Amino acid sequence: QVQLVESGGGLVQAGGSLRLSCAASGRTFTGYYMGWFRQAPGKERDFVAAISWTGGNTYYTDSMKGRFTISRDNAKNTVYLQINDLKPEDTAVYYCAASRPDRSSPLRVTGRYDYWGQGTQVTVSS
């Protein structure tokens, strides 16, 4: 059974940092793209970042370039999202997702992804 399990969320003051982790298990993820999305209360699930299998290509929503860094360790089947200079508007549930490499939809589209984690809550206080 495929599982993506996020961790690392929590309550943090504005200006702080967090590193979210997503551990994947249950199948081989060779070639898969991994992505991070977030969903604030009452809002749609928004694309944050994605990374190719080798880690050589990363993709970000323009507004999140600079404070967010996605990385992966394939030996550990884990993808990370480093978030610096956290702001109250970053408060959301953060989800990781896995996409087969042959999907044609853009990486920012939720429908592209085959597997999702349950999410981890990030709350930023002002």
PDB file of N, CA and C in Angstrom:
ATOM      1  N   GLN A   1       0.839  -1.188   0.000  1.00  0.00           N
ATOM      2  CA  GLN A   1       0.000   0.000   0.000  1.00  0.00           C
ATOM      3  C   GLN A   1       0.879   1.244   0.000  1.00  0.00           C
ATOM      4  N   VAL A   2       0.618   2.131  -0.937  1.00  0.00           N
ATOM      5  CA  VAL A   2       1.407   3.353  -1.038  1.00  0.00           C
ATOM      6  C   VAL A   2       1.023   4.316   0.070  1.00  0.00           C
ATOM      7  N   GLN A   3       2.029   4.855   0.708  1.00  0.00           N
ATOM      8  CA  GLN A   3       1.797   5.864   1.745  1.00  0.00           C
ATOM      9  C   GLN A   3       2.763   7.016   1.585  1.00  0.00           C
ATOM     10  N   LEU A   4       2.225   8.206   1.719  1.00  0.00           N
ATOM     11  CA  LEU A   4       3.031   9.418   1.839  1.00  0.00           C
ATOM     12  C   LEU A   4       2.689  10.016   3.195  1.00  0.00           C
ATOM     13  N   VAL A   5       3.687  10.170   4.029  1.00  0.00           N
ATOM     14  CA  VAL A   5       3.451  10.644   5.383  1.00  0.00           C
ATOM     15  C   VAL A   5       4.248  11.915   5.622  1.00  0.00           C
ATOM     16  N   GLU A   6       3.525  13.013   5.809  1.00  0.00           N
ATOM     17  CA  GLU A   6       4.168  14.293   6.084  1.00  0.00           C
ATOM     18  C   GLU A   6       4.420  14.467   7.574  1.00  0.00           C
ATOM     19  N   SER A   7       5.438  15.225   7.877  1.00  0.00           N
ATOM     20  CA  SER A   7       5.743  15.572   9.265  1.00  0.00           C
ATOM     21  C   SER A   7       6.514  16.892   9.270  1.00  0.00           C
ATOM     22  N   GLY A   8       6.664  17.448  10.470  1.00  0.00           N
ATOM     23  CA  GLY A   8       7.456  18.661  10.615  1.00  0.00           C
ATOM     24  C   GLY A   8       6.658  19.932  10.768  1.00  0.00           C
ATOM     25  N   GLY A   9       5.349  19.843  10.647  1.00  0.00           N
ATOM     26  CA  GLY A   9       4.524  21.029  10.847  1.00  0.00           C
ATOM     27  C   GLY A   9       4.440  21.397  12.313  1.00  0.00           C
ATOM     28  N   GLY A  10       3.796  22.524  12.578  1.00  0.00           N
ATOM     29  CA  GLY A  10       3.636  22.955  13.951  1.00  0.00           C
ATOM     30  C   GLY A  10       3.294  24.426  14.030  1.00  0.00           C
ATOM     31  N   LEU A  11       3.365  24.933  15.251  1.00  0.00           N
ATOM     32  CA  LEU A  11       3.098  26.346  15.524  1.00  0.00           C
ATOM     33  C   LEU A  11       4.426  27.086  15.619  1.00  0.00           C
ATOM     34  N   VAL A  12       4.563  28.132  14.845  1.00  0.00           N
ATOM     35  CA  VAL A  12       5.823  28.871  14.821  1.00  0.00           C
ATOM     36  C   VAL A  12       5.525  30.356  14.725  1.00  0.00           C
ATOM     37  N   GLN A  13       6.399  31.162  15.269  1.00  0.00           N
ATOM     38  CA  GLN A  13       6.228  32.611  15.185  1.00  0.00           C
ATOM     39  C   GLN A  13       6.661  33.113  13.810  1.00  0.00           C
ATOM     40  N   ALA A  14       6.072  34.214  13.433  1.00  0.00           N
ATOM     41  CA  ALA A  14       6.461  34.854  12.173  1.00  0.00           C
ATOM     42  C   ALA A  14       7.958  35.122  12.171  1.00  0.00           C
ATOM     43  N   GLY A  15       8.576  34.866  11.031  1.00  0.00           N
ATOM     44  CA  GLY A  15      10.014  35.025  10.902  1.00  0.00           C
ATOM     45  C   GLY A  15      10.796  33.748  11.136  1.00  0.00           C
ATOM     46  N   GLY A  16      10.133  32.751  11.692  1.00  0.00           N
ATOM     47  CA  GLY A  16      10.791  31.481  11.961  1.00  0.00           C
ATOM     48  C   GLY A  16      10.887  30.604  10.728  1.00  0.00           C
ATOM     49  N   SER A  17      11.393  29.396  10.935  1.00  0.00           N
ATOM     50  CA  SER A  17      11.592  28.449   9.835  1.00  0.00           C
ATOM     51  C   SER A  17      11.062  27.077  10.224  1.00  0.00           C
ATOM     52  N   LEU A  18      10.707  26.325   9.212  1.00  0.00           N
ATOM     53  CA  LEU A  18      10.312  24.941   9.391  1.00  0.00           C
ATOM     54  C   LEU A  18      10.862  24.122   8.237  1.00  0.00           C
ATOM     55  N   ARG A  19      11.122  22.854   8.509  1.00  0.00           N
ATOM     56  CA  ARG A  19      11.423  21.914   7.442  1.00  0.00           C
ATOM     57  C   ARG A  19      10.405  20.788   7.497  1.00  0.00           C
ATOM     58  N   LEU A  20       9.603  20.715   6.469  1.00  0.00           N
ATOM     59  CA  LEU A  20       8.617  19.649   6.355  1.00  0.00           C
ATOM     60  C   LEU A  20       9.258  18.454   5.650  1.00  0.00           C
ATOM     61  N   SER A  21       8.837  17.271   6.074  1.00  0.00           N
ATOM     62  CA  SER A  21       9.317  16.042   5.454  1.00  0.00           C
ATOM     63  C   SER A  21       8.135  15.229   4.956  1.00  0.00           C
ATOM     64  N   CYS A  22       8.382  14.460   3.919  1.00  0.00           N
ATOM     65  CA  CYS A  22       7.369  13.555   3.382  1.00  0.00           C
ATOM     66  C   CYS A  22       8.056  12.231   3.078  1.00  0.00           C
ATOM     67  N   ALA A  23       7.702  11.218   3.852  1.00  0.00           N
ATOM     68  CA  ALA A  23       8.292   9.894   3.670  1.00  0.00           C
ATOM     69  C   ALA A  23       7.357   9.039   2.827  1.00  0.00           C
ATOM     70  N   ALA A  24       7.903   8.479   1.763  1.00  0.00           N
ATOM     71  CA  ALA A  24       7.109   7.670   0.841  1.00  0.00           C
ATOM     72  C   ALA A  24       7.439   6.191   1.022  1.00  0.00           C
ATOM     73  N   SER A  25       6.426   5.373   0.908  1.00  0.00           N
ATOM     74  CA  SER A  25       6.634   3.924   1.042  1.00  0.00           C
ATOM     75  C   SER A  25       5.573   3.178   0.245  1.00  0.00           C
ATOM     76  N   GLY A  26       5.789   1.889   0.065  1.00  0.00           N
ATOM     77  CA  GLY A  26       4.786   1.038  -0.555  1.00  0.00           C
ATOM     78  C   GLY A  26       5.006   0.733  -2.024  1.00  0.00           C
ATOM     79  N   ARG A  27       5.934   1.441  -2.657  1.00  0.00           N
ATOM     80  CA  ARG A  27       6.252   1.149  -4.052  1.00  0.00           C
ATOM     81  C   ARG A  27       7.561   1.852  -4.400  1.00  0.00           C
ATOM     82  N   THR A  28       8.053   1.567  -5.575  1.00  0.00           N
ATOM     83  CA  THR A  28       9.242   2.261  -6.056  1.00  0.00           C
ATOM     84  C   THR A  28       8.816   3.566  -6.715  1.00  0.00           C
ATOM     85  N   PHE A  29       9.474   4.637  -6.342  1.00  0.00           N
ATOM     86  CA  PHE A  29       9.116   5.940  -6.880  1.00  0.00           C
ATOM     87  C   PHE A  29      10.128   6.432  -7.909  1.00  0.00           C
ATOM     88  N   THR A  30      10.813   5.493  -8.516  1.00  0.00           N
ATOM     89  CA  THR A  30      11.783   5.848  -9.544  1.00  0.00           C
ATOM     90  C   THR A  30      11.113   6.656 -10.645  1.00  0.00           C
ATOM     91  N   GLY A  31      11.688   7.797 -10.942  1.00  0.00           N
ATOM     92  CA  GLY A  31      11.171   8.641 -12.002  1.00  0.00           C
ATOM     93  C   GLY A  31      10.059   9.575 -11.588  1.00  0.00           C
ATOM     94  N   TYR A  32       9.489   9.363 -10.435  1.00  0.00           N
ATOM     95  CA  TYR A  32       8.351  10.181 -10.005  1.00  0.00           C
ATOM     96  C   TYR A  32       8.762  11.608  -9.684  1.00  0.00           C
ATOM     97  N   TYR A  33       7.899  12.540 -10.071  1.00  0.00           N
ATOM     98  CA  TYR A  33       7.975  13.896  -9.561  1.00  0.00           C
ATOM     99  C   TYR A  33       7.298  13.924  -8.191  1.00  0.00           C
ATOM    100  N   MET A  34       7.823  14.763  -7.312  1.00  0.00           N
ATOM    101  CA  MET A  34       7.207  14.971  -6.005  1.00  0.00           C
ATOM    102  C   MET A  34       6.839  16.444  -5.870  1.00  0.00           C
ATOM    103  N   GLY A  35       5.687  16.675  -5.292  1.00  0.00           N
ATOM    104  CA  GLY A  35       5.233  18.054  -5.161  1.00  0.00           C
ATOM    105  C   GLY A  35       4.743  18.362  -3.764  1.00  0.00           C
ATOM    106  N   TRP A  36       4.708  19.648  -3.455  1.00  0.00           N
ATOM    107  CA  TRP A  36       4.107  20.150  -2.215  1.00  0.00           C
ATOM    108  C   TRP A  36       2.998  21.123  -2.595  1.00  0.00           C
ATOM    109  N   PHE A  37       1.883  20.967  -1.916  1.00  0.00           N
ATOM    110  CA  PHE A  37       0.752  21.873  -2.044  1.00  0.00           C
ATOM    111  C   PHE A  37       0.365  22.347  -0.653  1.00  0.00           C
ATOM    112  N   ARG A  38      -0.445  23.400  -0.597  1.00  0.00           N
ATOM    113  CA  ARG A  38      -0.960  23.826   0.691  1.00  0.00           C
ATOM    114  C   ARG A  38      -2.397  24.286   0.535  1.00  0.00           C
ATOM    115  N   GLN A  39      -3.135  24.154   1.627  1.00  0.00           N
ATOM    116  CA  GLN A  39      -4.550  24.530   1.616  1.00  0.00           C
ATOM    117  C   GLN A  39      -4.893  25.244   2.903  1.00  0.00           C
ATOM    118  N   ALA A  40      -5.260  26.500   2.769  1.00  0.00           N
ATOM    119  CA  ALA A  40      -5.710  27.287   3.905  1.00  0.00           C
ATOM    120  C   ALA A  40      -7.212  27.081   4.082  1.00  0.00           C
ATOM    121  N   PRO A  41      -7.729  27.331   5.284  1.00  0.00           N
ATOM    122  CA  PRO A  41      -9.167  27.140   5.531  1.00  0.00           C
ATOM    123  C   PRO A  41     -10.030  27.907   4.545  1.00  0.00           C
ATOM    124  N   GLY A  42     -10.969  27.224   3.936  1.00  0.00           N
ATOM    125  CA  GLY A  42     -11.888  27.870   3.014  1.00  0.00           C
ATOM    126  C   GLY A  42     -11.321  28.184   1.656  1.00  0.00           C
ATOM    127  N   LYS A  43     -10.105  27.721   1.395  1.00  0.00           N
ATOM    128  CA  LYS A  43      -9.475  28.030   0.112  1.00  0.00           C
ATOM    129  C   LYS A  43      -9.124  26.746  -0.635  1.00  0.00           C
ATOM    130  N   GLU A  44      -8.776  26.916  -1.904  1.00  0.00           N
ATOM    131  CA  GLU A  44      -8.386  25.779  -2.721  1.00  0.00           C
ATOM    132  C   GLU A  44      -6.974  25.325  -2.354  1.00  0.00           C
ATOM    133  N   ARG A  45      -6.681  24.111  -2.776  1.00  0.00           N
ATOM    134  CA  ARG A  45      -5.347  23.578  -2.577  1.00  0.00           C
ATOM    135  C   ARG A  45      -4.429  24.176  -3.647  1.00  0.00           C
ATOM    136  N   ASP A  46      -3.381  24.854  -3.194  1.00  0.00           N
ATOM    137  CA  ASP A  46      -2.497  25.579  -4.092  1.00  0.00           C
ATOM    138  C   ASP A  46      -1.130  24.910  -4.215  1.00  0.00           C
ATOM    139  N   PHE A  47      -0.595  24.974  -5.402  1.00  0.00           N
ATOM    140  CA  PHE A  47       0.738  24.454  -5.679  1.00  0.00           C
ATOM    141  C   PHE A  47       1.800  25.301  -4.980  1.00  0.00           C
ATOM    142  N   VAL A  48       2.765  24.627  -4.370  1.00  0.00           N
ATOM    143  CA  VAL A  48       3.887  25.325  -3.737  1.00  0.00           C
ATOM    144  C   VAL A  48       5.168  25.077  -4.521  1.00  0.00           C
ATOM    145  N   ALA A  49       5.507  23.791  -4.694  1.00  0.00           N
ATOM    146  CA  ALA A  49       6.777  23.456  -5.347  1.00  0.00           C
ATOM    147  C   ALA A  49       6.737  22.008  -5.811  1.00  0.00           C
ATOM    148  N   ALA A  50       7.633  21.688  -6.739  1.00  0.00           N
ATOM    149  CA  ALA A  50       7.781  20.315  -7.202  1.00  0.00           C
ATOM    150  C   ALA A  50       9.240  20.077  -7.560  1.00  0.00           C
ATOM    151  N   ILE A  51       9.598  18.791  -7.621  1.00  0.00           N
ATOM    152  CA  ILE A  51      10.984  18.431  -7.896  1.00  0.00           C
ATOM    153  C   ILE A  51      11.019  17.167  -8.740  1.00  0.00           C
ATOM    154  N   SER A  52      11.952  17.120  -9.658  1.00  0.00           N
ATOM    155  CA  SER A  52      12.104  15.958 -10.515  1.00  0.00           C
ATOM    156  C   SER A  52      12.781  14.821  -9.760  1.00  0.00           C
ATOM    157  N   TRP A  53      12.795  13.651 -10.382  1.00  0.00           N
ATOM    158  CA  TRP A  53      13.367  12.461  -9.743  1.00  0.00           C
ATOM    159  C   TRP A  53      14.820  12.679  -9.326  1.00  0.00           C
ATOM    160  N   THR A  54      15.598  13.270 -10.197  1.00  0.00           N
ATOM    161  CA  THR A  54      17.013  13.457  -9.889  1.00  0.00           C
ATOM    162  C   THR A  54      17.267  14.633  -8.962  1.00  0.00           C
ATOM    163  N   GLY A  55      16.261  15.469  -8.809  1.00  0.00           N
ATOM    164  CA  GLY A  55      16.458  16.685  -8.028  1.00  0.00           C
ATOM    165  C   GLY A  55      17.065  17.823  -8.827  1.00  0.00           C
ATOM    166  N   GLY A  56      17.362  17.542 -10.088  1.00  0.00           N
ATOM    167  CA  GLY A  56      18.016  18.551 -10.902  1.00  0.00           C
ATOM    168  C   GLY A  56      17.105  19.660 -11.369  1.00  0.00           C
ATOM    169  N   ASN A  57      15.806  19.398 -11.331  1.00  0.00           N
ATOM    170  CA  ASN A  57      14.830  20.406 -11.735  1.00  0.00           C
ATOM    171  C   ASN A  57      13.859  20.653 -10.607  1.00  0.00           C
ATOM    172  N   THR A  58      13.709  21.908 -10.250  1.00  0.00           N
ATOM    173  CA  THR A  58      12.748  22.307  -9.238  1.00  0.00           C
ATOM    174  C   THR A  58      11.835  23.382  -9.807  1.00  0.00           C
ATOM    175  N   TYR A  59      10.635  23.420  -9.276  1.00  0.00           N
ATOM    176  CA  TYR A  59       9.604  24.309  -9.795  1.00  0.00           C
ATOM    177  C   TYR A  59       8.883  24.936  -8.609  1.00  0.00           C
ATOM    178  N   TYR A  60       8.618  26.218  -8.707  1.00  0.00           N
ATOM    179  CA  TYR A  60       7.964  26.940  -7.623  1.00  0.00           C
ATOM    180  C   TYR A  60       6.898  27.872  -8.166  1.00  0.00           C
ATOM    181  N   THR A  61       5.879  28.082  -7.349  1.00  0.00           N
ATOM    182  CA  THR A  61       4.980  29.187  -7.614  1.00  0.00           C
ATOM    183  C   THR A  61       5.794  30.466  -7.458  1.00  0.00           C
ATOM    184  N   ASP A  62       5.610  31.398  -8.366  1.00  0.00           N
ATOM    185  CA  ASP A  62       6.441  32.609  -8.382  1.00  0.00           C
ATOM    186  C   ASP A  62       6.490  33.307  -7.023  1.00  0.00           C
ATOM    187  N   SER A  63       5.357  33.391  -6.359  1.00  0.00           N
ATOM    188  CA  SER A  63       5.298  34.132  -5.099  1.00  0.00           C
ATOM    189  C   SER A  63       6.057  33.446  -3.979  1.00  0.00           C
ATOM    190  N   MET A  64       6.429  32.181  -4.192  1.00  0.00           N
ATOM    191  CA  MET A  64       7.096  31.439  -3.138  1.00  0.00           C
ATOM    192  C   MET A  64       8.577  31.229  -3.409  1.00  0.00           C
ATOM    193  N   LYS A  65       9.062  31.732  -4.508  1.00  0.00           N
ATOM    194  CA  LYS A  65      10.495  31.627  -4.777  1.00  0.00           C
ATOM    195  C   LYS A  65      11.256  32.452  -3.750  1.00  0.00           C
ATOM    196  N   GLY A  66      12.320  31.883  -3.241  1.00  0.00           N
ATOM    197  CA  GLY A  66      13.156  32.600  -2.297  1.00  0.00           C
ATOM    198  C   GLY A  66      12.989  32.137  -0.867  1.00  0.00           C
ATOM    199  N   ARG A  67      11.747  31.920  -0.423  1.00  0.00           N
ATOM    200  CA  ARG A  67      11.540  31.487   0.960  1.00  0.00           C
ATOM    201  C   ARG A  67      11.331  29.982   1.069  1.00  0.00           C
ATOM    202  N   PHE A  68      10.964  29.339  -0.025  1.00  0.00           N
ATOM    203  CA  PHE A  68      10.663  27.913  -0.029  1.00  0.00           C
ATOM    204  C   PHE A  68      11.735  27.174  -0.835  1.00  0.00           C
ATOM    205  N   THR A  69      12.180  26.054  -0.295  1.00  0.00           N
ATOM    206  CA  THR A  69      13.154  25.231  -0.998  1.00  0.00           C
ATOM    207  C   THR A  69      12.734  23.768  -0.910  1.00  0.00           C
ATOM    208  N   ILE A  70      12.553  23.147  -2.064  1.00  0.00           N
ATOM    209  CA  ILE A  70      12.209  21.733  -2.116  1.00  0.00           C
ATOM    210  C   ILE A  70      13.460  20.924  -2.415  1.00  0.00           C
ATOM    211  N   SER A  71      13.563  19.777  -1.787  1.00  0.00           N
ATOM    212  CA  SER A  71      14.693  18.879  -2.033  1.00  0.00           C
ATOM    213  C   SER A  71      14.216  17.448  -1.798  1.00  0.00           C
ATOM    214  N   ARG A  72      15.046  16.489  -2.183  1.00  0.00           N
ATOM    215  CA  ARG A  72      14.664  15.095  -1.972  1.00  0.00           C
ATOM    216  C   ARG A  72      15.906  14.254  -1.735  1.00  0.00           C
ATOM    217  N   ASP A  73      15.690  13.175  -1.007  1.00  0.00           N
ATOM    218  CA  ASP A  73      16.731  12.181  -0.760  1.00  0.00           C
ATOM    219  C   ASP A  73      16.145  10.841  -1.190  1.00  0.00           C
ATOM    220  N   ASN A  74      16.501  10.402  -2.370  1.00  0.00           N
ATOM    221  CA  ASN A  74      15.890   9.187  -2.913  1.00  0.00           C
ATOM    222  C   ASN A  74      16.313   7.936  -2.153  1.00  0.00           C
ATOM    223  N   ALA A  75      17.473   7.964  -1.542  1.00  0.00           N
ATOM    224  CA  ALA A  75      17.903   6.817  -0.740  1.00  0.00           C
ATOM    225  C   ALA A  75      16.982   6.623   0.459  1.00  0.00           C
ATOM    226  N   LYS A  76      16.386   7.714   0.907  1.00  0.00           N
ATOM    227  CA  LYS A  76      15.465   7.660   2.056  1.00  0.00           C
ATOM    228  C   LYS A  76      14.011   7.738   1.621  1.00  0.00           C
ATOM    229  N   ASN A  77      13.774   7.827   0.315  1.00  0.00           N
ATOM    230  CA  ASN A  77      12.397   7.991  -0.183  1.00  0.00           C
ATOM    231  C   ASN A  77      11.692   9.158   0.505  1.00  0.00           C
ATOM    232  N   THR A  78      12.395  10.250   0.645  1.00  0.00           N
ATOM    233  CA  THR A  78      11.872  11.385   1.390  1.00  0.00           C
ATOM    234  C   THR A  78      12.061  12.671   0.592  1.00  0.00           C
ATOM    235  N   VAL A  79      11.045  13.503   0.633  1.00  0.00           N
ATOM    236  CA  VAL A  79      11.119  14.823   0.029  1.00  0.00           C
ATOM    237  C   VAL A  79      10.923  15.857   1.140  1.00  0.00           C
ATOM    238  N   TYR A  80      11.573  16.974   0.999  1.00  0.00           N
ATOM    239  CA  TYR A  80      11.574  18.002   2.035  1.00  0.00           C
ATOM    240  C   TYR A  80      11.076  19.333   1.466  1.00  0.00           C
ATOM    241  N   LEU A  81      10.538  20.152   2.366  1.00  0.00           N
ATOM    242  CA  LEU A  81      10.208  21.529   2.023  1.00  0.00           C
ATOM    243  C   LEU A  81      10.705  22.421   3.153  1.00  0.00           C
ATOM    244  N   GLN A  82      11.720  23.179   2.859  1.00  0.00           N
ATOM    245  CA  GLN A  82      12.257  24.150   3.818  1.00  0.00           C
ATOM    246  C   GLN A  82      11.524  25.466   3.611  1.00  0.00           C
ATOM    247  N   ILE A  83      10.990  26.013   4.697  1.00  0.00           N
ATOM    248  CA  ILE A  83      10.289  27.286   4.613  1.00  0.00           C
ATOM    249  C   ILE A  83      10.951  28.262   5.578  1.00  0.00           C
ATOM    250  N   ASN A  84      11.440  29.344   5.060  1.00  0.00           N
ATOM    251  CA  ASN A  84      12.104  30.364   5.868  1.00  0.00           C
ATOM    252  C   ASN A  84      11.254  31.627   5.946  1.00  0.00           C
ATOM    253  N   ASP A  85      11.563  32.450   6.955  1.00  0.00           N
ATOM    254  CA  ASP A  85      10.859  33.721   7.120  1.00  0.00           C
ATOM    255  C   ASP A  85       9.345  33.528   7.032  1.00  0.00           C
ATOM    256  N   LEU A  86       8.843  32.614   7.848  1.00  0.00           N
ATOM    257  CA  LEU A  86       7.423  32.287   7.798  1.00  0.00           C
ATOM    258  C   LEU A  86       6.561  33.500   8.098  1.00  0.00           C
ATOM    259  N   LYS A  87       5.430  33.562   7.412  1.00  0.00           N
ATOM    260  CA  LYS A  87       4.472  34.660   7.557  1.00  0.00           C
ATOM    261  C   LYS A  87       3.110  34.096   7.956  1.00  0.00           C
ATOM    262  N   PRO A  88       2.287  34.869   8.620  1.00  0.00           N
ATOM    263  CA  PRO A  88       0.960  34.363   8.997  1.00  0.00           C
ATOM    264  C   PRO A  88       0.176  33.813   7.804  1.00  0.00           C
ATOM    265  N   GLU A  89       0.358  34.382   6.635  1.00  0.00           N
ATOM    266  CA  GLU A  89      -0.365  33.909   5.454  1.00  0.00           C
ATOM    267  C   GLU A  89       0.137  32.548   4.950  1.00  0.00           C
ATOM    268  N   ASP A  90       1.203  32.042   5.540  1.00  0.00           N
ATOM    269  CA  ASP A  90       1.670  30.690   5.213  1.00  0.00           C
ATOM    270  C   ASP A  90       0.894  29.627   5.988  1.00  0.00           C
ATOM    271  N   THR A  91       0.061  30.056   6.912  1.00  0.00           N
ATOM    272  CA  THR A  91      -0.740  29.118   7.696  1.00  0.00           C
ATOM    273  C   THR A  91      -1.638  28.301   6.781  1.00  0.00           C
ATOM    274  N   ALA A  92      -1.484  26.982   6.847  1.00  0.00           N
ATOM    275  CA  ALA A  92      -2.228  26.078   5.972  1.00  0.00           C
ATOM    276  C   ALA A  92      -1.878  24.642   6.341  1.00  0.00           C
ATOM    277  N   VAL A  93      -2.623  23.720   5.760  1.00  0.00           N
ATOM    278  CA  VAL A  93      -2.221  22.319   5.779  1.00  0.00           C
ATOM    279  C   VAL A  93      -1.361  22.094   4.548  1.00  0.00           C
ATOM    280  N   TYR A  94      -0.204  21.517   4.757  1.00  0.00           N
ATOM    281  CA  TYR A  94       0.732  21.269   3.664  1.00  0.00           C
ATOM    282  C   TYR A  94       0.684  19.780   3.300  1.00  0.00           C
ATOM    283  N   TYR A  95       0.522  19.528   2.012  1.00  0.00           N
ATOM    284  CA  TYR A  95       0.404  18.169   1.502  1.00  0.00           C
ATOM    285  C   TYR A  95       1.545  17.861   0.545  1.00  0.00           C
ATOM    286  N   CYS A  96       2.049  16.642   0.623  1.00  0.00           N
ATOM    287  CA  CYS A  96       2.958  16.213  -0.436  1.00  0.00           C
ATOM    288  C   CYS A  96       2.220  15.254  -1.360  1.00  0.00           C
ATOM    289  N   ALA A  97       2.732  15.140  -2.570  1.00  0.00           N
ATOM    290  CA  ALA A  97       2.083  14.330  -3.582  1.00  0.00           C
ATOM    291  C   ALA A  97       3.131  13.771  -4.532  1.00  0.00           C
ATOM    292  N   ALA A  98       2.786  12.647  -5.161  1.00  0.00           N
ATOM    293  CA  ALA A  98       3.696  11.984  -6.100  1.00  0.00           C
ATOM    294  C   ALA A  98       3.029  11.826  -7.459  1.00  0.00           C
ATOM    295  N   SER A  99       3.789  12.105  -8.499  1.00  0.00           N
ATOM    296  CA  SER A  99       3.262  12.050  -9.859  1.00  0.00           C
ATOM    297  C   SER A  99       4.136  11.158 -10.729  1.00  0.00           C
ATOM    298  N   ARG A 100       3.478  10.243 -11.467  1.00  0.00           N
ATOM    299  CA  ARG A 100       4.206   9.467 -12.463  1.00  0.00           C
ATOM    300  C   ARG A 100       4.853  10.391 -13.468  1.00  0.00           C
ATOM    301  N   PRO A 101       5.990  10.014 -13.997  1.00  0.00           N
ATOM    302  CA  PRO A 101       6.703  10.909 -14.916  1.00  0.00           C
ATOM    303  C   PRO A 101       6.009  11.100 -16.251  1.00  0.00           C
ATOM    304  N   ASP A 102       5.096  10.194 -16.644  1.00  0.00           N
ATOM    305  CA  ASP A 102       4.478  10.292 -17.952  1.00  0.00           C
ATOM    306  C   ASP A 102       3.177  11.093 -17.948  1.00  0.00           C
ATOM    307  N   ARG A 103       2.853  11.696 -16.808  1.00  0.00           N
ATOM    308  CA  ARG A 103       1.661  12.542 -16.779  1.00  0.00           C
ATOM    309  C   ARG A 103       1.912  13.791 -17.607  1.00  0.00           C
ATOM    310  N   SER A 104       0.859  14.281 -18.262  1.00  0.00           N
ATOM    311  CA  SER A 104       1.033  15.417 -19.160  1.00  0.00           C
ATOM    312  C   SER A 104       0.575  16.740 -18.576  1.00  0.00           C
ATOM    313  N   SER A 105      -0.215  16.705 -17.519  1.00  0.00           N
ATOM    314  CA  SER A 105      -0.695  17.957 -16.935  1.00  0.00           C
ATOM    315  C   SER A 105       0.464  18.694 -16.279  1.00  0.00           C
ATOM    316  N   PRO A 106       0.341  20.007 -16.178  1.00  0.00           N
ATOM    317  CA  PRO A 106       1.391  20.778 -15.502  1.00  0.00           C
ATOM    318  C   PRO A 106       1.550  20.352 -14.040  1.00  0.00           C
ATOM    319  N   LEU A 107       2.718  20.540 -13.504  1.00  0.00           N
ATOM    320  CA  LEU A 107       2.996  20.130 -12.129  1.00  0.00           C
ATOM    321  C   LEU A 107       2.166  20.895 -11.110  1.00  0.00           C
ATOM    322  N   ARG A 108       1.670  22.059 -11.467  1.00  0.00           N
ATOM    323  CA  ARG A 108       0.880  22.846 -10.522  1.00  0.00           C
ATOM    324  C   ARG A 108      -0.555  22.350 -10.387  1.00  0.00           C
ATOM    325  N   VAL A 109      -0.933  21.394 -11.209  1.00  0.00           N
ATOM    326  CA  VAL A 109      -2.314  20.910 -11.226  1.00  0.00           C
ATOM    327  C   VAL A 109      -2.468  19.701 -10.306  1.00  0.00           C
ATOM    328  N   THR A 110      -3.422  19.776  -9.374  1.00  0.00           N
ATOM    329  CA  THR A 110      -3.586  18.682  -8.408  1.00  0.00           C
ATOM    330  C   THR A 110      -3.924  17.363  -9.101  1.00  0.00           C
ATOM    331  N   GLY A 111      -4.674  17.422 -10.190  1.00  0.00           N
ATOM    332  CA  GLY A 111      -5.089  16.207 -10.883  1.00  0.00           C
ATOM    333  C   GLY A 111      -3.958  15.416 -11.503  1.00  0.00           C
ATOM    334  N   ARG A 112      -2.781  16.021 -11.596  1.00  0.00           N
ATOM    335  CA  ARG A 112      -1.648  15.313 -12.169  1.00  0.00           C
ATOM    336  C   ARG A 112      -1.122  14.221 -11.245  1.00  0.00           C
ATOM    337  N   TYR A 113      -1.355  14.387  -9.964  1.00  0.00           N
ATOM    338  CA  TYR A 113      -0.687  13.558  -8.954  1.00  0.00           C
ATOM    339  C   TYR A 113      -1.465  12.287  -8.654  1.00  0.00           C
ATOM    340  N   ASP A 114      -0.704  11.216  -8.474  1.00  0.00           N
ATOM    341  CA  ASP A 114      -1.287   9.896  -8.266  1.00  0.00           C
ATOM    342  C   ASP A 114      -1.479   9.548  -6.803  1.00  0.00           C
ATOM    343  N   TYR A 115      -0.643  10.087  -5.970  1.00  0.00           N
ATOM    344  CA  TYR A 115      -0.696   9.748  -4.542  1.00  0.00           C
ATOM    345  C   TYR A 115      -0.564  11.030  -3.723  1.00  0.00           C
ATOM    346  N   TRP A 116      -1.260  11.031  -2.581  1.00  0.00           N
ATOM    347  CA  TRP A 116      -1.262  12.191  -1.677  1.00  0.00           C
ATOM    348  C   TRP A 116      -1.047  11.731  -0.244  1.00  0.00           C
ATOM    349  N   GLY A 117      -0.405  12.602   0.523  1.00  0.00           N
ATOM    350  CA  GLY A 117      -0.316  12.388   1.947  1.00  0.00           C
ATOM    351  C   GLY A 117      -1.520  12.975   2.655  1.00  0.00           C
ATOM    352  N   GLN A 118      -1.531  12.818   3.968  1.00  0.00           N
ATOM    353  CA  GLN A 118      -2.677  13.283   4.760  1.00  0.00           C
ATOM    354  C   GLN A 118      -2.538  14.734   5.193  1.00  0.00           C
ATOM    355  N   GLY A 119      -1.358  15.281   5.018  1.00  0.00           N
ATOM    356  CA  GLY A 119      -1.128  16.686   5.326  1.00  0.00           C
ATOM    357  C   GLY A 119      -0.542  16.913   6.703  1.00  0.00           C
ATOM    358  N   THR A 120       0.149  18.026   6.833  1.00  0.00           N
ATOM    359  CA  THR A 120       0.678  18.460   8.122  1.00  0.00           C
ATOM    360  C   THR A 120       0.348  19.931   8.300  1.00  0.00           C
ATOM    361  N   GLN A 121      -0.132  20.287   9.494  1.00  0.00           N
ATOM    362  CA  GLN A 121      -0.587  21.650   9.755  1.00  0.00           C
ATOM    363  C   GLN A 121       0.593  22.562  10.077  1.00  0.00           C
ATOM    364  N   VAL A 122       0.624  23.686   9.419  1.00  0.00           N
ATOM    365  CA  VAL A 122       1.582  24.748   9.730  1.00  0.00           C
ATOM    366  C   VAL A 122       0.781  25.967  10.164  1.00  0.00           C
ATOM    367  N   THR A 123       1.062  26.455  11.357  1.00  0.00           N
ATOM    368  CA  THR A 123       0.386  27.638  11.870  1.00  0.00           C
ATOM    369  C   THR A 123       1.439  28.668  12.246  1.00  0.00           C
ATOM    370  N   VAL A 124       1.308  29.856  11.692  1.00  0.00           N
ATOM    371  CA  VAL A 124       2.275  30.920  11.926  1.00  0.00           C
ATOM    372  C   VAL A 124       1.588  32.038  12.695  1.00  0.00           C
ATOM    373  N   SER A 125       2.100  32.349  13.861  1.00  0.00           N
ATOM    374  CA  SER A 125       1.528  33.411  14.678  1.00  0.00           C
ATOM    375  C   SER A 125       2.270  34.723  14.427  1.00  0.00           C
ATOM    376  N   SER A 126       1.525  35.804  14.523  1.00  0.00           N
ATOM    377  CA  SER A 126       2.125  37.118  14.246  1.00  0.00           C
ATOM    378  C   SER A 126       2.686  37.742  15.513  1.00  0.00           C
TER     379      SER A 126
END
